[in-house]
Amino acid sequence: MWFPFKRVCCQCTFCGQKWYIPARRIRSFERLPNIKKAEPFIWECHYCHEGVVIPRPYKNIYGQLVRIDPKKLKPGTKIAHF
């Protein structure tokens, strides 16, 4: 069952701050035309403005389970500002 208000835990890889983003906000970013299918993108931290990853798996708009590993990010990974 899909919960539109489910929150996904995010943690900054630099300052260690944690917060929760509504899953619907992540899915709305995945609908942007410049993000390809199954392409990882990271968020910008509210506090230190560096890269933030989603540490636990979540379902993207294509129904795939996605997990972003902060240690294996490619150099050209997009950063989403929200």
PDB file of N, CA and C in Angstrom:
ATOM      1  N   MET A   1       0.843  -1.182   0.000  1.00  0.00           N
ATOM      2  CA  MET A   1       0.000   0.000   0.000  1.00  0.00           C
ATOM      3  C   MET A   1       0.889   1.247   0.000  1.00  0.00           C
ATOM      4  N   TRP A   2       0.472   2.248  -0.753  1.00  0.00           N
ATOM      5  CA  TRP A   2       1.268   3.462  -0.881  1.00  0.00           C
ATOM      6  C   TRP A   2       0.734   4.532   0.060  1.00  0.00           C
ATOM      7  N   PHE A   3       1.608   5.114   0.864  1.00  0.00           N
ATOM      8  CA  PHE A   3       1.237   6.180   1.786  1.00  0.00           C
ATOM      9  C   PHE A   3       1.838   7.487   1.277  1.00  0.00           C
ATOM     10  N   PRO A   4       1.017   8.433   0.811  1.00  0.00           N
ATOM     11  CA  PRO A   4       1.570   9.662   0.227  1.00  0.00           C
ATOM     12  C   PRO A   4       2.306  10.541   1.224  1.00  0.00           C
ATOM     13  N   PHE A   5       2.019  10.398   2.515  1.00  0.00           N
ATOM     14  CA  PHE A   5       2.655  11.260   3.509  1.00  0.00           C
ATOM     15  C   PHE A   5       3.772  10.549   4.260  1.00  0.00           C
ATOM     16  N   LYS A   6       4.155   9.364   3.777  1.00  0.00           N
ATOM     17  CA  LYS A   6       5.247   8.637   4.415  1.00  0.00           C
ATOM     18  C   LYS A   6       6.524   9.458   4.294  1.00  0.00           C
ATOM     19  N   ARG A   7       7.275   9.510   5.360  1.00  0.00           N
ATOM     20  CA  ARG A   7       8.505  10.298   5.361  1.00  0.00           C
ATOM     21  C   ARG A   7       9.707   9.378   5.202  1.00  0.00           C
ATOM     22  N   VAL A   8      10.668   9.841   4.398  1.00  0.00           N
ATOM     23  CA  VAL A   8      11.880   9.083   4.119  1.00  0.00           C
ATOM     24  C   VAL A   8      13.035   9.770   4.836  1.00  0.00           C
ATOM     25  N   CYS A   9      13.816   8.988   5.584  1.00  0.00           N
ATOM     26  CA  CYS A   9      14.930   9.541   6.353  1.00  0.00           C
ATOM     27  C   CYS A   9      16.079   9.935   5.432  1.00  0.00           C
ATOM     28  N   CYS A  10      16.608  11.139   5.631  1.00  0.00           N
ATOM     29  CA  CYS A  10      17.765  11.621   4.882  1.00  0.00           C
ATOM     30  C   CYS A  10      18.846  12.019   5.878  1.00  0.00           C
ATOM     31  N   GLN A  11      20.097  11.785   5.500  1.00  0.00           N
ATOM     32  CA  GLN A  11      21.209  12.153   6.372  1.00  0.00           C
ATOM     33  C   GLN A  11      22.319  12.781   5.549  1.00  0.00           C
ATOM     34  N   CYS A  12      22.838  13.878   6.054  1.00  0.00           N
ATOM     35  CA  CYS A  12      23.932  14.562   5.373  1.00  0.00           C
ATOM     36  C   CYS A  12      25.220  13.761   5.550  1.00  0.00           C
ATOM     37  N   THR A  13      25.953  13.582   4.458  1.00  0.00           N
ATOM     38  CA  THR A  13      27.205  12.830   4.535  1.00  0.00           C
ATOM     39  C   THR A  13      28.341  13.677   5.104  1.00  0.00           C
ATOM     40  N   PHE A  14      28.130  14.982   5.249  1.00  0.00           N
ATOM     41  CA  PHE A  14      29.182  15.873   5.741  1.00  0.00           C
ATOM     42  C   PHE A  14      28.977  16.262   7.202  1.00  0.00           C
ATOM     43  N   CYS A  15      27.797  16.831   7.529  1.00  0.00           N
ATOM     44  CA  CYS A  15      27.588  17.299   8.909  1.00  0.00           C
ATOM     45  C   CYS A  15      26.839  16.285   9.774  1.00  0.00           C
ATOM     46  N   GLY A  16      26.251  15.250   9.174  1.00  0.00           N
ATOM     47  CA  GLY A  16      25.588  14.199   9.943  1.00  0.00           C
ATOM     48  C   GLY A  16      24.164  14.507  10.375  1.00  0.00           C
ATOM     49  N   GLN A  17      23.624  15.674  10.015  1.00  0.00           N
ATOM     50  CA  GLN A  17      22.248  16.021  10.389  1.00  0.00           C
ATOM     51  C   GLN A  17      21.264  15.074   9.712  1.00  0.00           C
ATOM     52  N   LYS A  18      20.168  14.756  10.404  1.00  0.00           N
ATOM     53  CA  LYS A  18      19.114  13.901   9.850  1.00  0.00           C
ATOM     54  C   LYS A  18      17.803  14.661   9.841  1.00  0.00           C
ATOM     55  N   TRP A  19      17.008  14.445   8.818  1.00  0.00           N
ATOM     56  CA  TRP A  19      15.639  14.928   8.790  1.00  0.00           C
ATOM     57  C   TRP A  19      14.846  14.047   7.858  1.00  0.00           C
ATOM     58  N   TYR A  20      13.553  14.271   7.797  1.00  0.00           N
ATOM     59  CA  TYR A  20      12.664  13.416   7.025  1.00  0.00           C
ATOM     60  C   TYR A  20      11.964  14.223   5.943  1.00  0.00           C
ATOM     61  N   ILE A  21      11.956  13.677   4.724  1.00  0.00           N
ATOM     62  CA  ILE A  21      11.323  14.325   3.582  1.00  0.00           C
ATOM     63  C   ILE A  21      10.102  13.504   3.198  1.00  0.00           C
ATOM     64  N   PRO A  22       8.968  14.140   2.918  1.00  0.00           N
ATOM     65  CA  PRO A  22       7.804  13.368   2.453  1.00  0.00           C
ATOM     66  C   PRO A  22       8.131  12.629   1.151  1.00  0.00           C
ATOM     67  N   ALA A  23       7.696  11.386   1.065  1.00  0.00           N
ATOM     68  CA  ALA A  23       7.981  10.562  -0.122  1.00  0.00           C
ATOM     69  C   ALA A  23       7.415  11.193  -1.383  1.00  0.00           C
ATOM     70  N   ARG A  24       6.305  11.899  -1.265  1.00  0.00           N
ATOM     71  CA  ARG A  24       5.700  12.508  -2.461  1.00  0.00           C
ATOM     72  C   ARG A  24       6.596  13.600  -3.045  1.00  0.00           C
ATOM     73  N   ARG A  25       7.400  14.253  -2.205  1.00  0.00           N
ATOM     74  CA  ARG A  25       8.320  15.282  -2.703  1.00  0.00           C
ATOM     75  C   ARG A  25       9.454  14.640  -3.506  1.00  0.00           C
ATOM     76  N   ILE A  26       9.940  13.501  -3.042  1.00  0.00           N
ATOM     77  CA  ILE A  26      10.981  12.787  -3.781  1.00  0.00           C
ATOM     78  C   ILE A  26      10.431  12.338  -5.122  1.00  0.00           C
ATOM     79  N   ARG A  27       9.223  11.794  -5.120  1.00  0.00           N
ATOM     80  CA  ARG A  27       8.621  11.319  -6.367  1.00  0.00           C
ATOM     81  C   ARG A  27       8.359  12.467  -7.332  1.00  0.00           C
ATOM     82  N   SER A  28       8.001  13.629  -6.826  1.00  0.00           N
ATOM     83  CA  SER A  28       7.764  14.764  -7.726  1.00  0.00           C
ATOM     84  C   SER A  28       9.067  15.230  -8.378  1.00  0.00           C
ATOM     85  N   PHE A  29      10.189  15.147  -7.667  1.00  0.00           N
ATOM     86  CA  PHE A  29      11.481  15.491  -8.266  1.00  0.00           C
ATOM     87  C   PHE A  29      11.872  14.491  -9.343  1.00  0.00           C
ATOM     88  N   GLU A  30      11.493  13.213  -9.158  1.00  0.00           N
ATOM     89  CA  GLU A  30      11.842  12.191 -10.141  1.00  0.00           C
ATOM     90  C   GLU A  30      11.077  12.370 -11.444  1.00  0.00           C
ATOM     91  N   ARG A  31      10.030  13.152 -11.442  1.00  0.00           N
ATOM     92  CA  ARG A  31       9.257  13.392 -12.658  1.00  0.00           C
ATOM     93  C   ARG A  31       9.860  14.504 -13.518  1.00  0.00           C
ATOM     94  N   LEU A  32      10.862  15.194 -13.012  1.00  0.00           N
ATOM     95  CA  LEU A  32      11.494  16.254 -13.796  1.00  0.00           C
ATOM     96  C   LEU A  32      12.127  15.661 -15.053  1.00  0.00           C
ATOM     97  N   PRO A  33      12.050  16.356 -16.166  1.00  0.00           N
ATOM     98  CA  PRO A  33      12.554  15.784 -17.425  1.00  0.00           C
ATOM     99  C   PRO A  33      14.065  15.590 -17.494  1.00  0.00           C
ATOM    100  N   ASN A  34      14.825  16.290 -16.658  1.00  0.00           N
ATOM    101  CA  ASN A  34      16.287  16.167 -16.735  1.00  0.00           C
ATOM    102  C   ASN A  34      16.839  15.031 -15.876  1.00  0.00           C
ATOM    103  N   ILE A  35      15.967  14.297 -15.174  1.00  0.00           N
ATOM    104  CA  ILE A  35      16.407  13.147 -14.391  1.00  0.00           C
ATOM    105  C   ILE A  35      15.938  11.887 -15.105  1.00  0.00           C
ATOM    106  N   LYS A  36      16.883  11.041 -15.488  1.00  0.00           N
ATOM    107  CA  LYS A  36      16.563   9.833 -16.244  1.00  0.00           C
ATOM    108  C   LYS A  36      16.100   8.717 -15.315  1.00  0.00           C
ATOM    109  N   LYS A  37      15.501   7.703 -15.907  1.00  0.00           N
ATOM    110  CA  LYS A  37      14.996   6.566 -15.136  1.00  0.00           C
ATOM    111  C   LYS A  37      16.132   5.889 -14.372  1.00  0.00           C
ATOM    112  N   ALA A  38      15.911   5.653 -13.106  1.00  0.00           N
ATOM    113  CA  ALA A  38      16.848   4.974 -12.201  1.00  0.00           C
ATOM    114  C   ALA A  38      18.165   5.725 -12.019  1.00  0.00           C
ATOM    115  N   GLU A  39      18.200   7.007 -12.361  1.00  0.00           N
ATOM    116  CA  GLU A  39      19.405   7.810 -12.143  1.00  0.00           C
ATOM    117  C   GLU A  39      19.362   8.377 -10.726  1.00  0.00           C
ATOM    118  N   PRO A  40      20.398   8.146  -9.921  1.00  0.00           N
ATOM    119  CA  PRO A  40      20.367   8.682  -8.567  1.00  0.00           C
ATOM    120  C   PRO A  40      20.599  10.187  -8.561  1.00  0.00           C
ATOM    121  N   PHE A  41      19.940  10.854  -7.651  1.00  0.00           N
ATOM    122  CA  PHE A  41      20.227  12.266  -7.442  1.00  0.00           C
ATOM    123  C   PHE A  41      20.217  12.498  -5.945  1.00  0.00           C
ATOM    124  N   ILE A  42      20.973  13.479  -5.506  1.00  0.00           N
ATOM    125  CA  ILE A  42      21.067  13.735  -4.075  1.00  0.00           C
ATOM    126  C   ILE A  42      20.517  15.119  -3.764  1.00  0.00           C
ATOM    127  N   TRP A  43      20.208  15.321  -2.516  1.00  0.00           N
ATOM    128  CA  TRP A  43      19.632  16.583  -2.055  1.00  0.00           C
ATOM    129  C   TRP A  43      20.733  17.488  -1.524  1.00  0.00           C
ATOM    130  N   GLU A  44      20.385  18.740  -1.302  1.00  0.00           N
ATOM    131  CA  GLU A  44      21.309  19.678  -0.670  1.00  0.00           C
ATOM    132  C   GLU A  44      20.904  19.819   0.794  1.00  0.00           C
ATOM    133  N   CYS A  45      21.885  19.765   1.680  1.00  0.00           N
ATOM    134  CA  CYS A  45      21.628  19.852   3.119  1.00  0.00           C
ATOM    135  C   CYS A  45      21.096  21.233   3.495  1.00  0.00           C
ATOM    136  N   HIS A  46      20.128  21.271   4.416  1.00  0.00           N
ATOM    137  CA  HIS A  46      19.581  22.541   4.903  1.00  0.00           C
ATOM    138  C   HIS A  46      20.618  23.319   5.713  1.00  0.00           C
ATOM    139  N   TYR A  47      21.544  22.601   6.342  1.00  0.00           N
ATOM    140  CA  TYR A  47      22.457  23.224   7.291  1.00  0.00           C
ATOM    141  C   TYR A  47      23.807  23.595   6.673  1.00  0.00           C
ATOM    142  N   CYS A  48      24.471  22.619   6.053  1.00  0.00           N
ATOM    143  CA  CYS A  48      25.821  22.902   5.537  1.00  0.00           C
ATOM    144  C   CYS A  48      25.850  23.045   4.014  1.00  0.00           C
ATOM    145  N   HIS A  49      24.727  22.812   3.351  1.00  0.00           N
ATOM    146  CA  HIS A  49      24.579  22.966   1.897  1.00  0.00           C
ATOM    147  C   HIS A  49      25.514  22.064   1.091  1.00  0.00           C
ATOM    148  N   GLU A  50      25.793  20.899   1.641  1.00  0.00           N
ATOM    149  CA  GLU A  50      26.569  19.886   0.917  1.00  0.00           C
ATOM    150  C   GLU A  50      25.628  18.752   0.522  1.00  0.00           C
ATOM    151  N   GLY A  51      26.178  17.647   0.061  1.00  0.00           N
ATOM    152  CA  GLY A  51      25.360  16.540  -0.441  1.00  0.00           C
ATOM    153  C   GLY A  51      24.712  15.713   0.652  1.00  0.00           C
ATOM    154  N   VAL A  52      23.464  15.364   0.430  1.00  0.00           N
ATOM    155  CA  VAL A  52      22.689  14.553   1.361  1.00  0.00           C
ATOM    156  C   VAL A  52      22.204  13.324   0.619  1.00  0.00           C
ATOM    157  N   VAL A  53      22.263  12.177   1.258  1.00  0.00           N
ATOM    158  CA  VAL A  53      21.751  10.966   0.639  1.00  0.00           C
ATOM    159  C   VAL A  53      20.595  10.408   1.451  1.00  0.00           C
ATOM    160  N   ILE A  54      19.820   9.555   0.798  1.00  0.00           N
ATOM    161  CA  ILE A  54      18.727   8.862   1.459  1.00  0.00           C
ATOM    162  C   ILE A  54      19.281   7.501   1.862  1.00  0.00           C
ATOM    163  N   PRO A  55      19.544   7.271   3.157  1.00  0.00           N
ATOM    164  CA  PRO A  55      20.264   6.062   3.551  1.00  0.00           C
ATOM    165  C   PRO A  55      19.465   4.773   3.461  1.00  0.00           C
ATOM    166  N   ARG A  56      18.151   4.843   3.587  1.00  0.00           N
ATOM    167  CA  ARG A  56      17.406   3.590   3.527  1.00  0.00           C
ATOM    168  C   ARG A  56      16.666   3.483   2.200  1.00  0.00           C
ATOM    169  N   PRO A  57      16.353   2.273   1.769  1.00  0.00           N
ATOM    170  CA  PRO A  57      15.697   2.094   0.466  1.00  0.00           C
ATOM    171  C   PRO A  57      14.313   2.737   0.414  1.00  0.00           C
ATOM    172  N   TYR A  58      13.944   3.209  -0.762  1.00  0.00           N
ATOM    173  CA  TYR A  58      12.607   3.750  -0.985  1.00  0.00           C
ATOM    174  C   TYR A  58      12.171   3.384  -2.392  1.00  0.00           C
ATOM    175  N   LYS A  59      10.869   3.448  -2.660  1.00  0.00           N
ATOM    176  CA  LYS A  59      10.346   3.125  -3.986  1.00  0.00           C
ATOM    177  C   LYS A  59      10.262   4.389  -4.817  1.00  0.00           C
ATOM    178  N   ASN A  60      10.819   4.332  -6.029  1.00  0.00           N
ATOM    179  CA  ASN A  60      10.746   5.493  -6.913  1.00  0.00           C
ATOM    180  C   ASN A  60       9.447   5.460  -7.717  1.00  0.00           C
ATOM    181  N   ILE A  61       9.275   6.409  -8.635  1.00  0.00           N
ATOM    182  CA  ILE A  61       8.012   6.499  -9.373  1.00  0.00           C
ATOM    183  C   ILE A  61       7.822   5.339 -10.335  1.00  0.00           C
ATOM    184  N   TYR A  62       8.882   4.586 -10.617  1.00  0.00           N
ATOM    185  CA  TYR A  62       8.776   3.431 -11.505  1.00  0.00           C
ATOM    186  C   TYR A  62       8.515   2.146 -10.730  1.00  0.00           C
ATOM    187  N   GLY A  63       8.367   2.232  -9.413  1.00  0.00           N
ATOM    188  CA  GLY A  63       8.103   1.061  -8.587  1.00  0.00           C
ATOM    189  C   GLY A  63       9.349   0.268  -8.231  1.00  0.00           C
ATOM    190  N   GLN A  64      10.526   0.806  -8.531  1.00  0.00           N
ATOM    191  CA  GLN A  64      11.775   0.116  -8.215  1.00  0.00           C
ATOM    192  C   GLN A  64      12.243   0.521  -6.820  1.00  0.00           C
ATOM    193  N   LEU A  65      12.840  -0.428  -6.118  1.00  0.00           N
ATOM    194  CA  LEU A  65      13.409  -0.136  -4.809  1.00  0.00           C
ATOM    195  C   LEU A  65      14.792   0.467  -5.029  1.00  0.00           C
ATOM    196  N   VAL A  66      15.006   1.680  -4.541  1.00  0.00           N
ATOM    197  CA  VAL A  66      16.252   2.414  -4.776  1.00  0.00           C
ATOM    198  C   VAL A  66      16.971   2.619  -3.454  1.00  0.00           C
ATOM    199  N   ARG A  67      18.263   2.383  -3.468  1.00  0.00           N
ATOM    200  CA  ARG A  67      19.106   2.688  -2.311  1.00  0.00           C
ATOM    201  C   ARG A  67      20.322   3.428  -2.838  1.00  0.00           C
ATOM    202  N   ILE A  68      20.599   4.579  -2.277  1.00  0.00           N
ATOM    203  CA  ILE A  68      21.726   5.397  -2.709  1.00  0.00           C
ATOM    204  C   ILE A  68      22.850   5.236  -1.693  1.00  0.00           C
ATOM    205  N   ASP A  69      23.974   4.712  -2.145  1.00  0.00           N
ATOM    206  CA  ASP A  69      25.124   4.505  -1.272  1.00  0.00           C
ATOM    207  C   ASP A  69      26.038   5.726  -1.364  1.00  0.00           C
ATOM    208  N   PRO A  70      26.271   6.439  -0.260  1.00  0.00           N
ATOM    209  CA  PRO A  70      27.085   7.657  -0.320  1.00  0.00           C
ATOM    210  C   PRO A  70      28.540   7.403  -0.720  1.00  0.00           C
ATOM    211  N   LYS A  71      29.032   6.191  -0.533  1.00  0.00           N
ATOM    212  CA  LYS A  71      30.429   5.898  -0.855  1.00  0.00           C
ATOM    213  C   LYS A  71      30.635   5.544  -2.319  1.00  0.00           C
ATOM    214  N   LYS A  72      29.541   5.295  -3.051  1.00  0.00           N
ATOM    215  CA  LYS A  72      29.661   4.877  -4.451  1.00  0.00           C
ATOM    216  C   LYS A  72      28.977   5.850  -5.401  1.00  0.00           C
ATOM    217  N   LEU A  73      28.944   7.125  -5.065  1.00  0.00           N
ATOM    218  CA  LEU A  73      28.325   8.116  -5.943  1.00  0.00           C
ATOM    219  C   LEU A  73      29.244   8.441  -7.110  1.00  0.00           C
ATOM    220  N   LYS A  74      28.667   8.575  -8.280  1.00  0.00           N
ATOM    221  CA  LYS A  74      29.440   8.945  -9.468  1.00  0.00           C
ATOM    222  C   LYS A  74      29.714  10.443  -9.435  1.00  0.00           C
ATOM    223  N   PRO A  75      30.787  10.907 -10.079  1.00  0.00           N
ATOM    224  CA  PRO A  75      31.123  12.333 -10.049  1.00  0.00           C
ATOM    225  C   PRO A  75      30.046  13.250 -10.624  1.00  0.00           C
ATOM    226  N   GLY A  76      29.259  12.783 -11.588  1.00  0.00           N
ATOM    227  CA  GLY A  76      28.263  13.648 -12.219  1.00  0.00           C
ATOM    228  C   GLY A  76      26.876  13.550 -11.622  1.00  0.00           C
ATOM    229  N   THR A  77      26.755  13.084 -10.383  1.00  0.00           N
ATOM    230  CA  THR A  77      25.441  12.922  -9.765  1.00  0.00           C
ATOM    231  C   THR A  77      24.786  14.277  -9.558  1.00  0.00           C
ATOM    232  N   LYS A  78      23.523  14.380  -9.934  1.00  0.00           N
ATOM    233  CA  LYS A  78      22.798  15.650  -9.821  1.00  0.00           C
ATOM    234  C   LYS A  78      22.448  15.946  -8.365  1.00  0.00           C
ATOM    235  N   ILE A  79      22.445  17.229  -8.029  1.00  0.00           N
ATOM    236  CA  ILE A  79      22.030  17.659  -6.695  1.00  0.00           C
ATOM    237  C   ILE A  79      20.725  18.414  -6.839  1.00  0.00           C
ATOM    238  N   ALA A  80      19.701  17.966  -6.132  1.00  0.00           N
ATOM    239  CA  ALA A  80      18.388  18.602  -6.189  1.00  0.00           C
ATOM    240  C   ALA A  80      18.254  19.584  -5.035  1.00  0.00           C
ATOM    241  N   HIS A  81      17.812  20.786  -5.327  1.00  0.00           N
ATOM    242  CA  HIS A  81      17.592  21.805  -4.298  1.00  0.00           C
ATOM    243  C   HIS A  81      16.106  21.832  -3.982  1.00  0.00           C
ATOM    244  N   PHE A  82      15.774  21.809  -2.689  1.00  0.00           N
ATOM    245  CA  PHE A  82      14.347  21.810  -2.347  1.00  0.00           C
ATOM    246  C   PHE A  82      14.041  22.762  -1.227  1.00  0.00           C
TER     247      PHE A  82
END
